[in-house]
Amino acid sequence: MLASAALRSLLVPALLLGAGLAPADAQDSTPQAEHKRGDHAADPDRAVQGGGAVPAGWAVRPDDPAGSANVKVVPMGKGIHVTLGPAIILYKKEHGGTGAFHTLATFTQSKKATHAEGYGLFYGGKALDGAGQKYTYFLVRQDGTYLVKRRDGDKTTAVTKGWVASSAVKKVDGTGGAANLLEIDAKRDASKVVFMVNGQAVHTMAATAADVNGVVGIRANHNLDLHIDGFNVHR
């Protein structure tokens, strides 16, 4: 009996992995889990020199309850440059609203991260400074994948089946950099939400599947160094 149990404990994870699935305790359940994996001890949130700086008009909320001491957001050129310890959302309250919208931004990853980390856009933001924060987010990573999820407090619900590979997402090049134009379009056809990377639609869902009303902003996971150009919201 013991031998059979031991054999099952080895076979089940192997079968799950072979099917492209992760065991339940290895699957993401919170935004923090997108970067806090088993080897996170070897890749902790870094200290950021000059952290705590955010331009006037912007609000930042780190996933880490320790705060934004290791978050640096500065104007640079026509955009902003973000240097991170913890994962964050970044937004302007003026980008709240109701009804159909279109948002976009070009993200340039300055250097290859130790582990693939997501960055991108969110919409439908509500109660963003409280425990009941809600939003839907769309991220890409340096390994050529994208993800769509909904957040409600400390819980998240997958929209896509985990991280999805797409030729539309530019991977980091030999210098460790990559530039990706991300868009969320819920305006051209108000019945649906289209998620786009570099002009190519990678995922579409009904506008009723997630609340389009609320704040639109930026999400970036931990230890990233990003330049963000052309961020805008059209309603």
C-alpha atoms as a PDB file:
ATOM      1  CA  MET A   1       0.000   0.000   0.000  1.00  0.00           C
ATOM      2  CA  LEU A   2       2.792   2.400   0.918  1.00  0.00           C
ATOM      3  CA  ALA A   3       4.622   1.596  -2.277  1.00  0.00           C
ATOM      4  CA  SER A   4       1.447   2.210  -4.322  1.00  0.00           C
ATOM      5  CA  ALA A   5       0.856   5.563  -2.600  1.00  0.00           C
ATOM      6  CA  ALA A   6       4.427   6.616  -3.241  1.00  0.00           C
ATOM      7  CA  LEU A   7       4.107   5.604  -6.885  1.00  0.00           C
ATOM      8  CA  ARG A   8       0.904   7.635  -7.258  1.00  0.00           C
ATOM      9  CA  SER A   9       2.593  10.676  -5.696  1.00  0.00           C
ATOM     10  CA  LEU A  10       5.207  10.517  -8.439  1.00  0.00           C
ATOM     11  CA  LEU A  11       2.909   9.651 -11.342  1.00  0.00           C
ATOM     12  CA  VAL A  12       0.162  12.264 -10.787  1.00  0.00           C
ATOM     13  CA  PRO A  13       2.433  15.368 -11.009  1.00  0.00           C
ATOM     14  CA  ALA A  14       4.175  13.836 -14.005  1.00  0.00           C
ATOM     15  CA  LEU A  15       0.854  13.255 -15.792  1.00  0.00           C
ATOM     16  CA  LEU A  16      -0.286  16.803 -15.009  1.00  0.00           C
ATOM     17  CA  LEU A  17       2.914  18.302 -16.339  1.00  0.00           C
ATOM     18  CA  GLY A  18       2.726  16.126 -19.424  1.00  0.00           C
ATOM     19  CA  ALA A  19      -0.733  17.522 -20.094  1.00  0.00           C
ATOM     20  CA  GLY A  20       0.550  21.091 -19.746  1.00  0.00           C
ATOM     21  CA  LEU A  21      -1.011  21.590 -16.307  1.00  0.00           C
ATOM     22  CA  ALA A  22       0.539  22.498 -12.996  1.00  0.00           C
ATOM     23  CA  PRO A  23      -0.376  20.754  -9.742  1.00  0.00           C
ATOM     24  CA  ALA A  24      -2.910  22.799  -7.761  1.00  0.00           C
ATOM     25  CA  ASP A  25      -0.354  24.098  -5.276  1.00  0.00           C
ATOM     26  CA  ALA A  26       1.836  25.390  -8.096  1.00  0.00           C
ATOM     27  CA  GLN A  27      -0.855  27.368  -9.929  1.00  0.00           C
ATOM     28  CA  ASP A  28      -1.156  31.154  -9.599  1.00  0.00           C
ATOM     29  CA  SER A  29      -3.930  32.228  -7.218  1.00  0.00           C
ATOM     30  CA  THR A  30      -2.960  35.866  -6.616  1.00  0.00           C
ATOM     31  CA  PRO A  31      -1.094  38.560  -8.558  1.00  0.00           C
ATOM     32  CA  GLN A  32       1.773  38.113  -6.097  1.00  0.00           C
ATOM     33  CA  ALA A  33       2.009  34.465  -7.130  1.00  0.00           C
ATOM     34  CA  GLU A  34       2.890  35.548 -10.675  1.00  0.00           C
ATOM     35  CA  HIS A  35       6.378  36.291  -9.414  1.00  0.00           C
ATOM     36  CA  LYS A  36       6.540  34.625  -5.987  1.00  0.00           C
ATOM     37  CA  ARG A  37       7.334  31.077  -7.055  1.00  0.00           C
ATOM     38  CA  GLY A  38       9.309  28.436  -5.217  1.00  0.00           C
ATOM     39  CA  ASP A  39      12.605  30.040  -6.218  1.00  0.00           C
ATOM     40  CA  HIS A  40      11.521  33.564  -5.209  1.00  0.00           C
ATOM     41  CA  ALA A  41      13.981  33.440  -2.305  1.00  0.00           C
ATOM     42  CA  ALA A  42      16.721  33.591  -4.936  1.00  0.00           C
ATOM     43  CA  ASP A  43      15.020  36.565  -6.627  1.00  0.00           C
ATOM     44  CA  PRO A  44      13.651  38.835  -3.872  1.00  0.00           C
ATOM     45  CA  ASP A  45      12.234  42.305  -4.504  1.00  0.00           C
ATOM     46  CA  ARG A  46      15.306  44.443  -5.093  1.00  0.00           C
ATOM     47  CA  ALA A  47      16.200  47.689  -3.375  1.00  0.00           C
ATOM     48  CA  VAL A  48      15.793  50.652  -5.738  1.00  0.00           C
ATOM     49  CA  GLN A  49      17.996  53.702  -5.298  1.00  0.00           C
ATOM     50  CA  GLY A  50      15.867  56.838  -5.248  1.00  0.00           C
ATOM     51  CA  GLY A  51      12.722  54.780  -4.646  1.00  0.00           C
ATOM     52  CA  GLY A  52       9.531  56.342  -3.367  1.00  0.00           C
ATOM     53  CA  ALA A  53       9.407  58.822  -6.266  1.00  0.00           C
ATOM     54  CA  VAL A  54       6.165  59.120  -8.248  1.00  0.00           C
ATOM     55  CA  PRO A  55       5.296  62.066 -10.550  1.00  0.00           C
ATOM     56  CA  ALA A  56       2.461  64.386  -9.521  1.00  0.00           C
ATOM     57  CA  GLY A  57      -0.932  63.122 -10.590  1.00  0.00           C
ATOM     58  CA  TRP A  58       0.044  59.450 -10.512  1.00  0.00           C
ATOM     59  CA  ALA A  59      -0.909  56.956  -7.810  1.00  0.00           C
ATOM     60  CA  VAL A  60       0.967  53.739  -7.156  1.00  0.00           C
ATOM     61  CA  ARG A  61      -0.143  50.664  -5.240  1.00  0.00           C
ATOM     62  CA  PRO A  62       2.456  47.941  -4.629  1.00  0.00           C
ATOM     63  CA  ASP A  63       1.426  44.326  -4.082  1.00  0.00           C
ATOM     64  CA  ASP A  64       3.917  44.312  -1.208  1.00  0.00           C
ATOM     65  CA  PRO A  65       2.316  45.736   1.952  1.00  0.00           C
ATOM     66  CA  ALA A  66       5.729  47.162   2.873  1.00  0.00           C
ATOM     67  CA  GLY A  67       4.939  50.097   0.584  1.00  0.00           C
ATOM     68  CA  SER A  68       6.554  51.983  -2.293  1.00  0.00           C
ATOM     69  CA  ALA A  69      10.011  52.729  -0.890  1.00  0.00           C
ATOM     70  CA  ASN A  70      11.484  50.549  -3.662  1.00  0.00           C
ATOM     71  CA  VAL A  71       9.289  51.887  -6.463  1.00  0.00           C
ATOM     72  CA  LYS A  72      10.723  54.610  -8.696  1.00  0.00           C
ATOM     73  CA  VAL A  73       8.632  56.312 -11.386  1.00  0.00           C
ATOM     74  CA  VAL A  74      10.155  59.303 -13.164  1.00  0.00           C
ATOM     75  CA  PRO A  75       9.269  61.337 -16.268  1.00  0.00           C
ATOM     76  CA  MET A  76      11.624  60.541 -19.125  1.00  0.00           C
ATOM     77  CA  GLY A  77      11.316  61.922 -22.644  1.00  0.00           C
ATOM     78  CA  LYS A  78       7.644  61.855 -23.602  1.00  0.00           C
ATOM     79  CA  GLY A  79       6.921  58.986 -21.241  1.00  0.00           C
ATOM     80  CA  ILE A  80       7.791  57.594 -17.837  1.00  0.00           C
ATOM     81  CA  HIS A  81      10.474  55.208 -16.621  1.00  0.00           C
ATOM     82  CA  VAL A  82       9.609  52.623 -13.985  1.00  0.00           C
ATOM     83  CA  THR A  83      12.182  50.831 -11.824  1.00  0.00           C
ATOM     84  CA  LEU A  84      10.720  48.265  -9.463  1.00  0.00           C
ATOM     85  CA  GLY A  85      11.312  46.210  -6.425  1.00  0.00           C
ATOM     86  CA  PRO A  86       7.713  45.038  -5.750  1.00  0.00           C
ATOM     87  CA  ALA A  87       4.970  44.527  -8.330  1.00  0.00           C
ATOM     88  CA  ILE A  88       2.646  47.517  -8.701  1.00  0.00           C
ATOM     89  CA  ILE A  89      -0.341  49.068 -10.355  1.00  0.00           C
ATOM     90  CA  LEU A  90       0.122  52.665 -11.528  1.00  0.00           C
ATOM     91  CA  TYR A  91      -2.730  54.947 -12.504  1.00  0.00           C
ATOM     92  CA  LYS A  92      -4.258  58.416 -12.646  1.00  0.00           C
ATOM     93  CA  LYS A  93      -7.695  58.950 -11.137  1.00  0.00           C
ATOM     94  CA  GLU A  94      -8.568  61.120 -14.128  1.00  0.00           C
ATOM     95  CA  HIS A  95      -8.417  57.953 -16.232  1.00  0.00           C
ATOM     96  CA  GLY A  96     -11.540  56.632 -14.545  1.00  0.00           C
ATOM     97  CA  GLY A  97     -14.857  56.650 -16.352  1.00  0.00           C
ATOM     98  CA  THR A  98     -17.758  54.615 -17.641  1.00  0.00           C
ATOM     99  CA  GLY A  99     -18.611  52.960 -20.918  1.00  0.00           C
ATOM    100  CA  ALA A 100     -16.604  52.107 -24.011  1.00  0.00           C
ATOM    101  CA  PHE A 101     -12.866  52.873 -23.975  1.00  0.00           C
ATOM    102  CA  HIS A 102      -9.565  52.284 -25.766  1.00  0.00           C
ATOM    103  CA  THR A 103      -6.195  52.329 -24.027  1.00  0.00           C
ATOM    104  CA  LEU A 104      -2.666  51.768 -25.247  1.00  0.00           C
ATOM    105  CA  ALA A 105       1.001  52.117 -24.307  1.00  0.00           C
ATOM    106  CA  THR A 106       4.386  51.026 -25.621  1.00  0.00           C
ATOM    107  CA  PHE A 107       6.462  49.179 -23.040  1.00  0.00           C
ATOM    108  CA  THR A 108      10.218  48.864 -23.518  1.00  0.00           C
ATOM    109  CA  GLN A 109      11.890  46.370 -21.200  1.00  0.00           C
ATOM    110  CA  SER A 110      15.374  47.727 -20.584  1.00  0.00           C
ATOM    111  CA  LYS A 111      17.045  44.541 -19.404  1.00  0.00           C
ATOM    112  CA  LYS A 112      16.279  40.859 -19.136  1.00  0.00           C
ATOM    113  CA  ALA A 113      14.712  39.908 -15.809  1.00  0.00           C
ATOM    114  CA  THR A 114      16.020  37.005 -13.721  1.00  0.00           C
ATOM    115  CA  HIS A 115      12.645  35.341 -14.244  1.00  0.00           C
ATOM    116  CA  ALA A 116      10.039  36.207 -16.881  1.00  0.00           C
ATOM    117  CA  GLU A 117       7.878  38.974 -15.368  1.00  0.00           C
ATOM    118  CA  GLY A 118       4.658  40.449 -16.730  1.00  0.00           C
ATOM    119  CA  TYR A 119       3.863  44.054 -17.604  1.00  0.00           C
ATOM    120  CA  GLY A 120       0.910  45.721 -19.285  1.00  0.00           C
ATOM    121  CA  LEU A 121      -2.454  47.415 -18.818  1.00  0.00           C
ATOM    122  CA  PHE A 122      -5.523  47.107 -16.621  1.00  0.00           C
ATOM    123  CA  TYR A 123      -9.100  48.391 -16.791  1.00  0.00           C
ATOM    124  CA  GLY A 124     -12.262  48.387 -14.697  1.00  0.00           C
ATOM    125  CA  GLY A 125     -10.297  49.539 -11.647  1.00  0.00           C
ATOM    126  CA  LYS A 126     -12.363  50.086  -8.502  1.00  0.00           C
ATOM    127  CA  ALA A 127     -11.431  50.641  -4.832  1.00  0.00           C
ATOM    128  CA  LEU A 128      -7.787  50.579  -5.883  1.00  0.00           C
ATOM    129  CA  ASP A 129      -6.560  51.965  -2.564  1.00  0.00           C
ATOM    130  CA  GLY A 130      -8.499  49.449  -0.445  1.00  0.00           C
ATOM    131  CA  ALA A 131      -8.699  45.758   0.389  1.00  0.00           C
ATOM    132  CA  GLY A 132     -11.511  45.273  -2.121  1.00  0.00           C
ATOM    133  CA  GLN A 133      -9.587  46.416  -5.195  1.00  0.00           C
ATOM    134  CA  LYS A 134     -10.921  45.106  -8.517  1.00  0.00           C
ATOM    135  CA  TYR A 135      -9.589  45.221 -12.058  1.00  0.00           C
ATOM    136  CA  THR A 136      -8.940  43.144 -15.183  1.00  0.00           C
ATOM    137  CA  TYR A 137      -5.340  43.051 -16.390  1.00  0.00           C
ATOM    138  CA  PHE A 138      -3.492  42.193 -19.591  1.00  0.00           C
ATOM    139  CA  LEU A 139       0.235  41.419 -19.420  1.00  0.00           C
ATOM    140  CA  VAL A 140       3.051  40.197 -21.648  1.00  0.00           C
ATOM    141  CA  ARG A 141       6.436  38.718 -20.706  1.00  0.00           C
ATOM    142  CA  GLN A 142       9.950  38.527 -22.100  1.00  0.00           C
ATOM    143  CA  ASP A 143       9.406  34.880 -23.106  1.00  0.00           C
ATOM    144  CA  GLY A 144       6.810  35.786 -25.760  1.00  0.00           C
ATOM    145  CA  THR A 145       3.653  35.035 -23.762  1.00  0.00           C
ATOM    146  CA  TYR A 146       0.575  36.978 -22.644  1.00  0.00           C
ATOM    147  CA  LEU A 147      -1.996  36.665 -19.855  1.00  0.00           C
ATOM    148  CA  VAL A 148      -5.451  38.062 -19.056  1.00  0.00           C
ATOM    149  CA  LYS A 149      -6.817  37.852 -15.495  1.00  0.00           C
ATOM    150  CA  ARG A 150      -9.408  39.467 -13.256  1.00  0.00           C
ATOM    151  CA  ARG A 151      -8.612  40.553  -9.714  1.00  0.00           C
ATOM    152  CA  ASP A 152     -11.102  40.847  -6.872  1.00  0.00           C
ATOM    153  CA  GLY A 153      -9.443  41.664  -3.549  1.00  0.00           C
ATOM    154  CA  ASP A 154      -6.744  39.052  -2.896  1.00  0.00           C
ATOM    155  CA  LYS A 155      -8.186  36.577  -5.408  1.00  0.00           C
ATOM    156  CA  THR A 156      -7.717  36.339  -9.151  1.00  0.00           C
ATOM    157  CA  THR A 157      -9.625  34.514 -11.862  1.00  0.00           C
ATOM    158  CA  ALA A 158      -7.933  33.366 -15.059  1.00  0.00           C
ATOM    159  CA  VAL A 159      -9.417  34.600 -18.337  1.00  0.00           C
ATOM    160  CA  THR A 160      -6.797  33.020 -20.581  1.00  0.00           C
ATOM    161  CA  LYS A 161      -5.502  29.531 -19.803  1.00  0.00           C
ATOM    162  CA  GLY A 162      -2.414  30.755 -18.005  1.00  0.00           C
ATOM    163  CA  TRP A 163       0.404  32.363 -19.981  1.00  0.00           C
ATOM    164  CA  VAL A 164      -0.216  31.883 -23.708  1.00  0.00           C
ATOM    165  CA  ALA A 165       2.563  31.896 -26.310  1.00  0.00           C
ATOM    166  CA  SER A 166       2.072  34.312 -29.220  1.00  0.00           C
ATOM    167  CA  SER A 167       4.280  35.356 -32.107  1.00  0.00           C
ATOM    168  CA  ALA A 168       2.818  38.870 -31.671  1.00  0.00           C
ATOM    169  CA  VAL A 169       4.759  39.326 -28.404  1.00  0.00           C
ATOM    170  CA  LYS A 170       8.358  40.373 -28.957  1.00  0.00           C
ATOM    171  CA  LYS A 171      10.839  38.437 -26.837  1.00  0.00           C
ATOM    172  CA  VAL A 172      13.919  40.065 -25.350  1.00  0.00           C
ATOM    173  CA  ASP A 173      16.752  40.421 -27.849  1.00  0.00           C
ATOM    174  CA  GLY A 174      20.471  39.825 -27.455  1.00  0.00           C
ATOM    175  CA  THR A 175      20.818  42.964 -25.344  1.00  0.00           C
ATOM    176  CA  GLY A 176      18.018  41.837 -23.005  1.00  0.00           C
ATOM    177  CA  GLY A 177      15.575  44.470 -24.286  1.00  0.00           C
ATOM    178  CA  ALA A 178      12.150  44.261 -25.940  1.00  0.00           C
ATOM    179  CA  ALA A 179       9.476  46.763 -26.978  1.00  0.00           C
ATOM    180  CA  ASN A 180       5.782  45.841 -27.149  1.00  0.00           C
ATOM    181  CA  LEU A 181       2.759  48.012 -27.985  1.00  0.00           C
ATOM    182  CA  LEU A 182      -0.213  46.844 -25.937  1.00  0.00           C
ATOM    183  CA  GLU A 183      -3.831  47.891 -26.505  1.00  0.00           C
ATOM    184  CA  ILE A 184      -7.170  47.088 -24.958  1.00  0.00           C
ATOM    185  CA  ASP A 185      -9.993  48.122 -27.290  1.00  0.00           C
ATOM    186  CA  ALA A 186     -13.543  48.162 -25.950  1.00  0.00           C
ATOM    187  CA  LYS A 187     -14.577  51.099 -28.114  1.00  0.00           C
ATOM    188  CA  ARG A 188     -14.496  50.134 -31.800  1.00  0.00           C
ATOM    189  CA  ASP A 189     -17.104  47.464 -31.081  1.00  0.00           C
ATOM    190  CA  ALA A 190     -18.609  48.130 -27.652  1.00  0.00           C
ATOM    191  CA  SER A 191     -19.965  44.570 -27.466  1.00  0.00           C
ATOM    192  CA  LYS A 192     -16.493  43.098 -27.002  1.00  0.00           C
ATOM    193  CA  VAL A 193     -13.055  43.730 -25.536  1.00  0.00           C
ATOM    194  CA  VAL A 194     -10.069  43.078 -27.813  1.00  0.00           C
ATOM    195  CA  PHE A 195      -6.578  42.616 -26.375  1.00  0.00           C
ATOM    196  CA  MET A 196      -3.835  43.510 -28.864  1.00  0.00           C
ATOM    197  CA  VAL A 197      -0.051  43.234 -29.032  1.00  0.00           C
ATOM    198  CA  ASN A 198       1.848  45.150 -31.707  1.00  0.00           C
ATOM    199  CA  GLY A 199      -1.344  45.659 -33.720  1.00  0.00           C
ATOM    200  CA  GLN A 200      -2.408  42.004 -33.612  1.00  0.00           C
ATOM    201  CA  ALA A 201      -5.454  40.781 -31.672  1.00  0.00           C
ATOM    202  CA  VAL A 202      -4.414  37.970 -29.335  1.00  0.00           C
ATOM    203  CA  HIS A 203      -7.582  37.571 -27.255  1.00  0.00           C
ATOM    204  CA  THR A 204     -11.206  38.725 -27.495  1.00  0.00           C
ATOM    205  CA  MET A 205     -14.036  38.440 -24.984  1.00  0.00           C
ATOM    206  CA  ALA A 206     -17.533  39.819 -24.515  1.00  0.00           C
ATOM    207  CA  ALA A 207     -17.649  43.253 -22.895  1.00  0.00           C
ATOM    208  CA  THR A 208     -20.119  41.825 -20.379  1.00  0.00           C
ATOM    209  CA  ALA A 209     -17.536  39.282 -19.140  1.00  0.00           C
ATOM    210  CA  ALA A 210     -15.785  41.945 -17.043  1.00  0.00           C
ATOM    211  CA  ASP A 211     -16.826  45.429 -15.939  1.00  0.00           C
ATOM    212  CA  VAL A 212     -15.471  48.058 -18.346  1.00  0.00           C
ATOM    213  CA  ASN A 213     -16.336  50.896 -15.969  1.00  0.00           C
ATOM    214  CA  GLY A 214     -13.615  52.246 -13.701  1.00  0.00           C
ATOM    215  CA  VAL A 215      -9.983  53.321 -13.754  1.00  0.00           C
ATOM    216  CA  VAL A 216      -7.612  52.340 -16.568  1.00  0.00           C
ATOM    217  CA  GLY A 217      -3.916  52.058 -15.779  1.00  0.00           C
ATOM    218  CA  ILE A 218      -0.643  50.135 -15.842  1.00  0.00           C
ATOM    219  CA  ARG A 219       0.460  46.953 -14.074  1.00  0.00           C
ATOM    220  CA  ALA A 220       4.062  45.730 -13.803  1.00  0.00           C
ATOM    221  CA  ASN A 221       5.510  42.822 -11.849  1.00  0.00           C
ATOM    222  CA  HIS A 222       8.514  42.847  -9.586  1.00  0.00           C
ATOM    223  CA  ASN A 223      12.126  43.754 -10.390  1.00  0.00           C
ATOM    224  CA  LEU A 224      11.318  45.129 -13.837  1.00  0.00           C
ATOM    225  CA  ASP A 225      12.983  48.102 -15.491  1.00  0.00           C
ATOM    226  CA  LEU A 226      10.557  49.597 -18.039  1.00  0.00           C
ATOM    227  CA  HIS A 227      10.175  52.666 -20.198  1.00  0.00           C
ATOM    228  CA  ILE A 228       6.523  53.435 -20.994  1.00  0.00           C
ATOM    229  CA  ASP A 229       5.576  55.709 -23.893  1.00  0.00           C
ATOM    230  CA  GLY A 230       2.270  56.889 -25.256  1.00  0.00           C
ATOM    231  CA  PHE A 231       0.034  55.711 -22.441  1.00  0.00           C
ATOM    232  CA  ASN A 232      -3.428  57.110 -23.039  1.00  0.00           C
ATOM    233  CA  VAL A 233      -7.094  56.378 -22.492  1.00  0.00           C
ATOM    234  CA  HIS A 234      -9.796  57.281 -25.027  1.00  0.00           C
ATOM    235  CA  ARG A 235     -13.460  57.205 -24.085  1.00  0.00           C
END
